[in-house]
C-alpha atoms as a PDB file:
ATOM      1  CA  MET A   1     -30.925 -80.682 -16.277  1.00  0.00           C
ATOM      2  CA  THR A   2     -30.942 -80.139 -20.215  1.00  0.00           C
ATOM      3  CA  ILE A   3     -28.937 -83.274 -20.744  1.00  0.00           C
ATOM      4  CA  LEU A   4     -31.281 -85.280 -18.590  1.00  0.00           C
ATOM      5  CA  ILE A   5     -34.353 -83.896 -20.417  1.00  0.00           C
ATOM      6  CA  LEU A   6     -32.806 -84.703 -23.796  1.00  0.00           C
ATOM      7  CA  LEU A   7     -31.915 -88.194 -22.746  1.00  0.00           C
ATOM      8  CA  LEU A   8     -35.453 -88.974 -21.641  1.00  0.00           C
ATOM      9  CA  LEU A   9     -36.900 -87.317 -24.811  1.00  0.00           C
ATOM     10  CA  GLY A  10     -34.412 -89.594 -26.755  1.00  0.00           C
ATOM     11  CA  LEU A  11     -35.677 -92.686 -24.951  1.00  0.00           C
ATOM     12  CA  PHE A  12     -39.274 -91.825 -25.573  1.00  0.00           C
ATOM     13  CA  ALA A  13     -38.488 -91.283 -29.248  1.00  0.00           C
ATOM     14  CA  GLY A  14     -36.708 -94.571 -29.571  1.00  0.00           C
ATOM     15  CA  VAL A  15     -39.569 -96.542 -28.034  1.00  0.00           C
ATOM     16  CA  MET A  16     -42.086 -94.884 -30.411  1.00  0.00           C
ATOM     17  CA  SER A  17     -39.642 -95.576 -33.317  1.00  0.00           C
ATOM     18  CA  GLY A  18     -39.454 -99.265 -32.700  1.00  0.00           C
ATOM     19  CA  LEU A  19     -43.289 -99.526 -31.630  1.00  0.00           C
ATOM     20  CA  LEU A  20     -44.901 -97.405 -34.383  1.00  0.00           C
ATOM     21  CA  GLY A  21     -42.073 -97.314 -37.111  1.00  0.00           C
ATOM     22  CA  ILE A  22     -42.091 -93.371 -37.092  1.00  0.00           C
ATOM     23  CA  GLY A  23     -38.315 -93.162 -37.215  1.00  0.00           C
ATOM     24  CA  GLY A  24     -38.210 -90.920 -34.092  1.00  0.00           C
ATOM     25  CA  GLY A  25     -37.999 -87.687 -36.133  1.00  0.00           C
ATOM     26  CA  THR A  26     -41.525 -86.751 -35.086  1.00  0.00           C
ATOM     27  CA  ILE A  27     -40.062 -86.027 -31.588  1.00  0.00           C
ATOM     28  CA  PHE A  28     -36.465 -85.132 -32.504  1.00  0.00           C
ATOM     29  CA  THR A  29     -37.385 -82.372 -35.144  1.00  0.00           C
ATOM     30  CA  PRO A  30     -39.576 -80.189 -32.768  1.00  0.00           C
ATOM     31  CA  VAL A  31     -37.242 -80.674 -29.867  1.00  0.00           C
ATOM     32  CA  LEU A  32     -34.187 -79.697 -31.769  1.00  0.00           C
ATOM     33  CA  PHE A  33     -35.818 -76.866 -33.445  1.00  0.00           C
ATOM     34  CA  TYR A  34     -36.799 -75.234 -30.160  1.00  0.00           C
ATOM     35  CA  PHE A  35     -33.208 -75.986 -28.878  1.00  0.00           C
ATOM     36  CA  PHE A  36     -31.410 -74.402 -31.733  1.00  0.00           C
ATOM     37  CA  ASN A  37     -33.905 -71.409 -32.406  1.00  0.00           C
ATOM     38  CA  GLY A  38     -33.867 -70.727 -28.595  1.00  0.00           C
ATOM     39  CA  ALA A  39     -30.006 -70.537 -28.820  1.00  0.00           C
ATOM     40  CA  GLY A  40     -30.145 -68.076 -31.527  1.00  0.00           C
ATOM     41  CA  VAL A  41     -28.176 -69.875 -34.256  1.00  0.00           C
ATOM     42  CA  GLU A  42     -28.434 -68.766 -37.801  1.00  0.00           C
ATOM     43  CA  ASN A  43     -30.734 -71.107 -39.960  1.00  0.00           C
ATOM     44  CA  PRO A  44     -31.850 -73.233 -37.154  1.00  0.00           C
ATOM     45  CA  GLU A  45     -34.069 -75.233 -39.556  1.00  0.00           C
ATOM     46  CA  LEU A  46     -31.001 -76.520 -41.337  1.00  0.00           C
ATOM     47  CA  TRP A  47     -29.142 -77.514 -37.944  1.00  0.00           C
ATOM     48  CA  THR A  48     -32.503 -79.192 -36.910  1.00  0.00           C
ATOM     49  CA  ILE A  49     -32.671 -81.364 -40.158  1.00  0.00           C
ATOM     50  CA  GLY A  50     -29.044 -82.347 -39.947  1.00  0.00           C
ATOM     51  CA  THR A  51     -28.949 -83.142 -36.331  1.00  0.00           C
ATOM     52  CA  SER A  52     -32.370 -84.839 -36.232  1.00  0.00           C
ATOM     53  CA  LEU A  53     -31.573 -87.105 -39.197  1.00  0.00           C
ATOM     54  CA  PHE A  54     -28.372 -88.128 -37.277  1.00  0.00           C
ATOM     55  CA  CYS A  55     -30.617 -88.791 -34.158  1.00  0.00           C
ATOM     56  CA  THR A  56     -33.096 -90.797 -36.399  1.00  0.00           C
ATOM     57  CA  PHE A  57     -30.160 -92.901 -37.747  1.00  0.00           C
ATOM     58  CA  ALA A  58     -29.173 -94.026 -34.270  1.00  0.00           C
ATOM     59  CA  ALA A  59     -32.970 -94.693 -33.181  1.00  0.00           C
ATOM     60  CA  THR A  60     -33.860 -96.834 -36.301  1.00  0.00           C
ATOM     61  CA  SER A  61     -30.469 -98.713 -36.131  1.00  0.00           C
ATOM     62  CA  GLY A  62     -31.400 -99.957 -32.760  1.00  0.00           C
ATOM     63  CA  GLY A  63     -34.706-101.078 -33.921  1.00  0.00           C
ATOM     64  CA  THR A  64     -33.313-102.760 -37.087  1.00  0.00           C
ATOM     65  CA  ILE A  65     -30.740-104.637 -35.158  1.00  0.00           C
ATOM     66  CA  LYS A  66     -33.585-106.038 -33.038  1.00  0.00           C
ATOM     67  CA  GLN A  67     -35.651-106.976 -36.013  1.00  0.00           C
ATOM     68  CA  ILE A  68     -32.745-108.946 -37.619  1.00  0.00           C
ATOM     69  CA  HIS A  69     -32.105-110.699 -34.388  1.00  0.00           C
ATOM     70  CA  GLN A  70     -35.822-111.589 -34.289  1.00  0.00           C
ATOM     71  CA  LYS A  71     -35.769-112.572 -38.058  1.00  0.00           C
ATOM     72  CA  SER A  72     -38.635-110.081 -38.698  1.00  0.00           C
ATOM     73  CA  ALA A  73     -36.799-107.882 -41.105  1.00  0.00           C
ATOM     74  CA  PHE A  74     -37.323-107.605 -44.891  1.00  0.00           C
ATOM     75  CA  LEU A  75     -33.808-106.689 -45.814  1.00  0.00           C
ATOM     76  CA  ARG A  76     -33.705-106.965 -49.583  1.00  0.00           C
ATOM     77  CA  GLU A  77     -37.056-105.000 -50.025  1.00  0.00           C
ATOM     78  CA  SER A  78     -35.900-102.482 -47.377  1.00  0.00           C
ATOM     79  CA  PHE A  79     -32.736-101.891 -49.012  1.00  0.00           C
ATOM     80  CA  ILE A  80     -34.236-101.214 -52.356  1.00  0.00           C
ATOM     81  CA  VAL A  81     -36.638 -98.609 -50.858  1.00  0.00           C
ATOM     82  CA  GLY A  82     -33.657 -97.035 -49.124  1.00  0.00           C
ATOM     83  CA  ILE A  83     -31.739 -96.708 -52.309  1.00  0.00           C
ATOM     84  CA  PHE A  84     -34.623 -94.743 -53.916  1.00  0.00           C
ATOM     85  CA  GLY A  85     -34.807 -92.727 -50.573  1.00  0.00           C
ATOM     86  CA  ILE A  86     -31.284 -91.591 -51.282  1.00  0.00           C
ATOM     87  CA  VAL A  87     -32.422 -89.883 -54.443  1.00  0.00           C
ATOM     88  CA  GLY A  88     -35.166 -88.366 -52.442  1.00  0.00           C
ATOM     89  CA  THR A  89     -32.792 -87.060 -49.796  1.00  0.00           C
ATOM     90  CA  ALA A  90     -30.811 -85.238 -52.570  1.00  0.00           C
ATOM     91  CA  LEU A  91     -33.957 -83.535 -53.875  1.00  0.00           C
ATOM     92  CA  GLY A  92     -35.031 -82.547 -50.392  1.00  0.00           C
ATOM     93  CA  LYS A  93     -31.670 -81.040 -49.354  1.00  0.00           C
ATOM     94  CA  PHE A  94     -31.536 -79.096 -52.553  1.00  0.00           C
ATOM     95  CA  VAL A  95     -34.952 -77.379 -51.654  1.00  0.00           C
ATOM     96  CA  ALA A  96     -34.164 -77.020 -47.884  1.00  0.00           C
ATOM     97  CA  THR A  97     -30.912 -75.152 -48.720  1.00  0.00           C
ATOM     98  CA  SER A  98     -32.449 -72.840 -51.287  1.00  0.00           C
ATOM     99  CA  ASN A  99     -33.001 -69.235 -50.828  1.00  0.00           C
ATOM    100  CA  TRP A 100     -36.779 -69.249 -50.463  1.00  0.00           C
ATOM    101  CA  PHE A 101     -36.771 -72.093 -47.922  1.00  0.00           C
ATOM    102  CA  THR A 102     -36.696 -70.175 -44.632  1.00  0.00           C
ATOM    103  CA  THR A 103     -37.625 -70.803 -40.939  1.00  0.00           C
ATOM    104  CA  ASP A 104     -41.285 -69.924 -41.602  1.00  0.00           C
ATOM    105  CA  GLU A 105     -41.621 -72.469 -44.491  1.00  0.00           C
ATOM    106  CA  PHE A 106     -40.000 -74.993 -42.357  1.00  0.00           C
ATOM    107  CA  LEU A 107     -42.464 -74.413 -39.447  1.00  0.00           C
ATOM    108  CA  VAL A 108     -45.464 -74.549 -41.793  1.00  0.00           C
ATOM    109  CA  LEU A 109     -44.167 -77.715 -43.419  1.00  0.00           C
ATOM    110  CA  ILE A 110     -43.626 -79.416 -40.012  1.00  0.00           C
ATOM    111  CA  ALA A 111     -46.916 -78.184 -38.632  1.00  0.00           C
ATOM    112  CA  ILE A 112     -48.811 -79.683 -41.411  1.00  0.00           C
ATOM    113  CA  VAL A 113     -47.009 -82.986 -41.584  1.00  0.00           C
ATOM    114  CA  LEU A 114     -47.386 -83.354 -37.727  1.00  0.00           C
ATOM    115  CA  LEU A 115     -51.070 -82.513 -38.056  1.00  0.00           C
ATOM    116  CA  TYR A 116     -51.520 -85.066 -40.688  1.00  0.00           C
ATOM    117  CA  THR A 117     -49.630 -87.666 -38.657  1.00  0.00           C
ATOM    118  CA  GLY A 118     -51.599 -86.978 -35.373  1.00  0.00           C
ATOM    119  CA  ILE A 119     -54.942 -87.267 -37.230  1.00  0.00           C
ATOM    120  CA  ASN A 120     -53.776 -90.528 -39.033  1.00  0.00           C
ATOM    121  CA  PHE A 121     -52.731 -92.095 -35.783  1.00  0.00           C
ATOM    122  CA  MET A 122     -56.056 -91.306 -34.065  1.00  0.00           C
ATOM    123  CA  LEU A 123     -58.113 -92.628 -37.000  1.00  0.00           C
ATOM    124  CA  SER A 124     -55.821 -95.711 -37.222  1.00  0.00           C
ATOM    125  CA  SER A 125     -56.425 -96.213 -33.382  1.00  0.00           C
ATOM    126  CA  TYR A 126     -60.232 -95.967 -33.995  1.00  0.00           C
ATOM    127  CA  LYS A 127     -60.083 -98.513 -36.864  1.00  0.00           C
ATOM    128  CA  THR A 128     -58.244-101.024 -34.668  1.00  0.00           C
ATOM    129  CA  ARG A 129     -60.661-100.686 -31.724  1.00  0.00           C
ATOM    130  CA  SER A 130     -63.647-101.148 -33.792  1.00  0.00           C
ATOM    131  CA  HIS A 131     -62.178-104.331 -35.335  1.00  0.00           C
ATOM    132  CA  THR A 132     -62.075-103.057 -38.919  1.00  0.00           C
ATOM    133  CA  LYS A 133     -60.929-105.917 -41.166  1.00  0.00           C
ATOM    134  CA  GLU A 134     -57.500-105.436 -42.586  1.00  0.00           C
ATOM    135  CA  LEU A 135     -57.207-106.349 -46.309  1.00  0.00           C
ATOM    136  CA  ALA A 136     -53.476-105.870 -46.392  1.00  0.00           C
ATOM    137  CA  VAL A 137     -51.237-108.848 -47.109  1.00  0.00           C
ATOM    138  CA  ASP A 138     -47.536-109.605 -46.851  1.00  0.00           C
ATOM    139  CA  ARG A 139     -46.753-109.732 -50.649  1.00  0.00           C
ATOM    140  CA  VAL A 140     -43.411-108.575 -52.194  1.00  0.00           C
ATOM    141  CA  LEU A 141     -42.915-105.009 -52.870  1.00  0.00           C
ATOM    142  CA  LYS A 142     -43.301-104.054 -56.544  1.00  0.00           C
ATOM    143  CA  PRO A 143     -40.238-101.832 -58.005  1.00  0.00           C
ATOM    144  CA  THR A 144     -42.712 -99.114 -58.825  1.00  0.00           C
ATOM    145  CA  ASP A 145     -44.064 -99.157 -55.218  1.00  0.00           C
ATOM    146  CA  SER A 146     -40.602 -99.085 -53.704  1.00  0.00           C
ATOM    147  CA  GLY A 147     -39.695 -96.139 -56.004  1.00  0.00           C
ATOM    148  CA  VAL A 148     -42.601 -94.090 -54.763  1.00  0.00           C
ATOM    149  CA  ILE A 149     -42.283 -95.006 -51.235  1.00  0.00           C
ATOM    150  CA  GLY A 150     -38.566 -94.479 -50.955  1.00  0.00           C
ATOM    151  CA  THR A 151     -38.375 -91.129 -52.868  1.00  0.00           C
ATOM    152  CA  ALA A 152     -41.308 -89.629 -51.027  1.00  0.00           C
ATOM    153  CA  GLY A 153     -39.671 -90.699 -47.694  1.00  0.00           C
ATOM    154  CA  GLY A 154     -36.284 -89.598 -48.654  1.00  0.00           C
ATOM    155  CA  PHE A 155     -37.634 -86.127 -49.814  1.00  0.00           C
ATOM    156  CA  LEU A 156     -39.517 -85.532 -46.585  1.00  0.00           C
ATOM    157  CA  ALA A 157     -36.593 -86.653 -44.414  1.00  0.00           C
ATOM    158  CA  ALA A 158     -34.176 -84.259 -45.972  1.00  0.00           C
ATOM    159  CA  ILE A 159     -36.473 -81.247 -46.083  1.00  0.00           C
ATOM    160  CA  SER A 160     -37.856 -81.669 -42.542  1.00  0.00           C
ATOM    161  CA  GLY A 161     -35.628 -84.061 -40.545  1.00  0.00           C
ATOM    162  CA  LEU A 162     -38.718 -86.257 -39.806  1.00  0.00           C
ATOM    163  CA  GLY A 163     -37.100 -89.367 -41.051  1.00  0.00           C
ATOM    164  CA  GLY A 164     -39.623 -90.442 -43.651  1.00  0.00           C
ATOM    165  CA  GLY A 165     -41.386 -93.122 -41.769  1.00  0.00           C
ATOM    166  CA  ILE A 166     -44.502 -90.963 -41.092  1.00  0.00           C
ATOM    167  CA  VAL A 167     -45.037 -91.146 -44.795  1.00  0.00           C
ATOM    168  CA  MET A 168     -43.803 -94.452 -45.816  1.00  0.00           C
ATOM    169  CA  VAL A 169     -45.662 -96.412 -43.235  1.00  0.00           C
ATOM    170  CA  PRO A 170     -49.113 -94.950 -44.122  1.00  0.00           C
ATOM    171  CA  VAL A 171     -48.469 -95.228 -47.942  1.00  0.00           C
ATOM    172  CA  MET A 172     -47.424 -98.912 -47.643  1.00  0.00           C
ATOM    173  CA  ASN A 173     -50.168 -99.846 -45.247  1.00  0.00           C
ATOM    174  CA  LEU A 174     -53.093 -97.684 -46.262  1.00  0.00           C
ATOM    175  CA  GLY A 175     -52.190 -96.890 -49.966  1.00  0.00           C
ATOM    176  CA  TYR A 176     -50.671-100.148 -51.198  1.00  0.00           C
ATOM    177  CA  LYS A 177     -52.234-102.428 -48.590  1.00  0.00           C
ATOM    178  CA  TYR A 178     -49.269-104.105 -47.265  1.00  0.00           C
ATOM    179  CA  THR A 179     -49.667-105.369 -43.607  1.00  0.00           C
ATOM    180  CA  LEU A 180     -48.736-102.890 -40.880  1.00  0.00           C
ATOM    181  CA  ARG A 181     -46.078-105.495 -39.546  1.00  0.00           C
ATOM    182  CA  LYS A 182     -44.293-105.366 -42.997  1.00  0.00           C
ATOM    183  CA  SER A 183     -44.758-101.615 -43.358  1.00  0.00           C
ATOM    184  CA  VAL A 184     -43.088-100.726 -40.214  1.00  0.00           C
ATOM    185  CA  SER A 185     -40.257-103.253 -40.626  1.00  0.00           C
ATOM    186  CA  VAL A 186     -39.520-102.058 -44.253  1.00  0.00           C
ATOM    187  CA  ALA A 187     -39.681 -98.515 -43.239  1.00  0.00           C
ATOM    188  CA  GLN A 188     -37.450 -99.142 -40.244  1.00  0.00           C
ATOM    189  CA  PHE A 189     -34.399-100.427 -42.185  1.00  0.00           C
ATOM    190  CA  ALA A 190     -35.094 -97.965 -45.127  1.00  0.00           C
ATOM    191  CA  ILE A 191     -35.054 -94.980 -42.688  1.00  0.00           C
ATOM    192  CA  VAL A 192     -31.411 -96.235 -41.650  1.00  0.00           C
ATOM    193  CA  ILE A 193     -30.260 -95.735 -45.143  1.00  0.00           C
ATOM    194  CA  ILE A 194     -32.310 -92.595 -45.773  1.00  0.00           C
ATOM    195  CA  SER A 195     -31.230 -90.895 -42.607  1.00  0.00           C
ATOM    196  CA  LEU A 196     -27.610 -91.818 -43.227  1.00  0.00           C
ATOM    197  CA  ALA A 197     -27.547 -90.245 -46.586  1.00  0.00           C
ATOM    198  CA  GLY A 198     -29.344 -87.322 -45.370  1.00  0.00           C
ATOM    199  CA  PHE A 199     -27.217 -86.432 -42.414  1.00  0.00           C
ATOM    200  CA  ILE A 200     -23.986 -86.927 -44.320  1.00  0.00           C
ATOM    201  CA  GLN A 201     -25.238 -84.356 -46.965  1.00  0.00           C
ATOM    202  CA  TYR A 202     -25.853 -81.828 -44.260  1.00  0.00           C
ATOM    203  CA  MET A 203     -22.709 -82.618 -42.463  1.00  0.00           C
ATOM    204  CA  LEU A 204     -20.796 -81.906 -45.672  1.00  0.00           C
ATOM    205  CA  ARG A 205     -22.308 -78.526 -46.187  1.00  0.00           C
ATOM    206  CA  SER A 206     -20.639 -75.542 -44.481  1.00  0.00           C
ATOM    207  CA  PRO A 207     -22.854 -73.124 -42.523  1.00  0.00           C
ATOM    208  CA  ASN A 208     -20.609 -70.303 -43.543  1.00  0.00           C
ATOM    209  CA  ALA A 209     -21.890 -70.741 -47.129  1.00  0.00           C
ATOM    210  CA  ASP A 210     -25.398 -69.749 -45.974  1.00  0.00           C
ATOM    211  CA  LEU A 211     -24.595 -66.700 -43.896  1.00  0.00           C
ATOM    212  CA  VAL A 212     -26.052 -63.262 -45.251  1.00  0.00           C
ATOM    213  CA  SER A 213     -22.849 -61.479 -44.566  1.00  0.00           C
ATOM    214  CA  GLN A 214     -19.606 -63.538 -45.412  1.00  0.00           C
ATOM    215  CA  SER A 215     -17.665 -61.475 -42.855  1.00  0.00           C
ATOM    216  CA  GLU A 216     -19.545 -63.101 -39.942  1.00  0.00           C
ATOM    217  CA  ASN A 217     -18.939 -66.389 -38.358  1.00  0.00           C
ATOM    218  CA  TYR A 218     -21.753 -68.818 -37.779  1.00  0.00           C
ATOM    219  CA  ILE A 219     -22.862 -69.507 -34.095  1.00  0.00           C
ATOM    220  CA  THR A 220     -23.155 -73.034 -32.765  1.00  0.00           C
ATOM    221  CA  VAL A 221     -24.755 -74.352 -29.518  1.00  0.00           C
ATOM    222  CA  THR A 222     -21.853 -76.504 -28.705  1.00  0.00           C
ATOM    223  CA  SER A 223     -18.252 -76.838 -30.051  1.00  0.00           C
ATOM    224  CA  TYR A 224     -18.671 -80.279 -31.432  1.00  0.00           C
ATOM    225  CA  THR A 225     -20.180 -79.624 -34.723  1.00  0.00           C
ATOM    226  CA  VAL A 226     -19.447 -80.759 -38.392  1.00  0.00           C
ATOM    227  CA  GLY A 227     -21.305 -78.863 -41.009  1.00  0.00           C
ATOM    228  CA  TYR A 228     -24.972 -78.687 -39.796  1.00  0.00           C
ATOM    229  CA  LEU A 229     -24.566 -81.592 -37.532  1.00  0.00           C
ATOM    230  CA  ASP A 230     -24.358 -80.724 -33.764  1.00  0.00           C
ATOM    231  CA  PHE A 231     -22.887 -83.863 -31.987  1.00  0.00           C
ATOM    232  CA  GLY A 232     -22.912 -82.296 -28.653  1.00  0.00           C
ATOM    233  CA  ALA A 233     -26.517 -81.560 -28.844  1.00  0.00           C
ATOM    234  CA  SER A 234     -27.512 -84.913 -30.412  1.00  0.00           C
ATOM    235  CA  LEU A 235     -25.530 -87.284 -28.069  1.00  0.00           C
ATOM    236  CA  PRO A 236     -28.084 -87.460 -25.196  1.00  0.00           C
ATOM    237  CA  LEU A 237     -30.994 -88.024 -27.696  1.00  0.00           C
ATOM    238  CA  VAL A 238     -28.923 -90.569 -29.594  1.00  0.00           C
ATOM    239  CA  ILE A 239     -27.996 -92.527 -26.346  1.00  0.00           C
ATOM    240  CA  GLY A 240     -31.678 -92.598 -25.211  1.00  0.00           C
ATOM    241  CA  SER A 241     -33.180 -93.399 -28.647  1.00  0.00           C
ATOM    242  CA  PHE A 242     -30.828 -96.295 -29.205  1.00  0.00           C
ATOM    243  CA  ILE A 243     -31.828 -97.828 -25.825  1.00  0.00           C
ATOM    244  CA  GLY A 244     -35.578 -97.262 -26.511  1.00  0.00           C
ATOM    245  CA  ALA A 245     -35.758 -98.311 -29.988  1.00  0.00           C
ATOM    246  CA  GLY A 246     -34.935-102.095 -29.437  1.00  0.00           C
ATOM    247  CA  PHE A 247     -37.475-101.991 -26.449  1.00  0.00           C
ATOM    248  CA  GLY A 248     -40.079-100.649 -28.711  1.00  0.00           C
ATOM    249  CA  VAL A 249     -39.607-103.426 -31.230  1.00  0.00           C
ATOM    250  CA  TRP A 250     -39.896-105.994 -28.398  1.00  0.00           C
ATOM    251  CA  LEU A 251     -43.194-104.373 -27.275  1.00  0.00           C
ATOM    252  CA  HIS A 252     -44.780-104.164 -30.708  1.00  0.00           C
ATOM    253  CA  ASP A 253     -46.114-107.905 -30.762  1.00  0.00           C
ATOM    254  CA  ARG A 254     -46.776-107.824 -26.918  1.00  0.00           C
ATOM    255  CA  ILE A 255     -49.176-104.946 -26.398  1.00  0.00           C
ATOM    256  CA  ASN A 256     -52.366-103.456 -27.999  1.00  0.00           C
ATOM    257  CA  THR A 257     -51.018-100.385 -29.709  1.00  0.00           C
ATOM    258  CA  SER A 258     -54.321 -98.770 -30.387  1.00  0.00           C
ATOM    259  CA  ARG A 259     -54.433 -96.713 -27.140  1.00  0.00           C
ATOM    260  CA  ILE A 260     -50.884 -95.704 -27.686  1.00  0.00           C
ATOM    261  CA  LYS A 261     -51.611 -94.556 -31.246  1.00  0.00           C
ATOM    262  CA  PHE A 262     -54.377 -92.387 -29.921  1.00  0.00           C
ATOM    263  CA  ILE A 263     -52.561 -90.718 -27.177  1.00  0.00           C
ATOM    264  CA  PHE A 264     -49.568 -90.296 -29.503  1.00  0.00           C
ATOM    265  CA  GLY A 265     -51.897 -88.720 -32.188  1.00  0.00           C
ATOM    266  CA  ILE A 266     -53.091 -86.210 -29.431  1.00  0.00           C
ATOM    267  CA  LEU A 267     -49.669 -85.384 -28.474  1.00  0.00           C
ATOM    268  CA  VAL A 268     -48.429 -84.784 -32.267  1.00  0.00           C
ATOM    269  CA  ILE A 269     -51.486 -82.570 -32.912  1.00  0.00           C
ATOM    270  CA  PHE A 270     -50.734 -80.544 -29.897  1.00  0.00           C
ATOM    271  CA  VAL A 271     -47.015 -79.969 -31.091  1.00  0.00           C
ATOM    272  CA  SER A 272     -48.550 -79.136 -34.599  1.00  0.00           C
ATOM    273  CA  ILE A 273     -50.765 -76.396 -33.239  1.00  0.00           C
ATOM    274  CA  ARG A 274     -47.734 -74.996 -31.065  1.00  0.00           C
ATOM    275  CA  MET A 275     -45.710 -74.809 -34.261  1.00  0.00           C
ATOM    276  CA  PHE A 276     -48.542 -72.929 -36.174  1.00  0.00           C
ATOM    277  CA  LEU A 277     -48.700 -70.444 -33.207  1.00  0.00           C
ATOM    278  CA  GLU A 278     -44.857 -70.020 -33.464  1.00  0.00           C
ATOM    279  CA  LEU A 279     -45.416 -68.212 -36.725  1.00  0.00           C
ATOM    280  CA  TRP A 280     -47.568 -65.469 -35.050  1.00  0.00           C
ATOM    281  CA  MET A 281     -45.337 -65.131 -31.885  1.00  0.00           C
END
């Protein structure tokens, strides 16, 4: 039953990734945190980040392949954003593995980011329904824009496991005034690079190094682990997300996304409130 639930959640995350450019981590991170925390593993936040980034890599890879096939990808610009994102992942991983970054800080960070994301999606949905004129254009990304977008996305990805799309898409679309179509496309491919760099860094770190007592052995949920990446736990999510991402990209130009944004925004806000409450439970 657990495998089926993870598979369905992965499918949902993949569809949202391809449709809204969120990278899937908005769903992967809360799901995996409760999965690892409920199993009683040490440093559940690090297991969550490493495994979520691997799942995000799979989800965005499916969407990017579909975009390339449809000739709607901005490969050169996405690659530059992704390279800056690698720098961001190194900074984020440094903070996440520091002594002061604990499960409580992780929960606060995720709750705040999800709350912001939910509100942003609801406001975006309202603007779409009210036919607000979009001033964005499909111009070429400036190097300075790429640096800010990529570094911010990579940092958030490595410190939260959220993939970075929830920062990159709003910054490109609302901040720098690139079209939503281009913002989603660039973020989609950049997240492939960012999540790859991120999960490799967590995969190469030994959980034994973070145990309070060096005489103990770390606990895992499954036996299929490398560093802070649990392949056994991520496989159902990966399979579902890879299938769903391509379908989400296909849907993007065929349906009105305003209602989906509104409903998804409510869902994300609910998860955010639940994580805030986790701190007092």
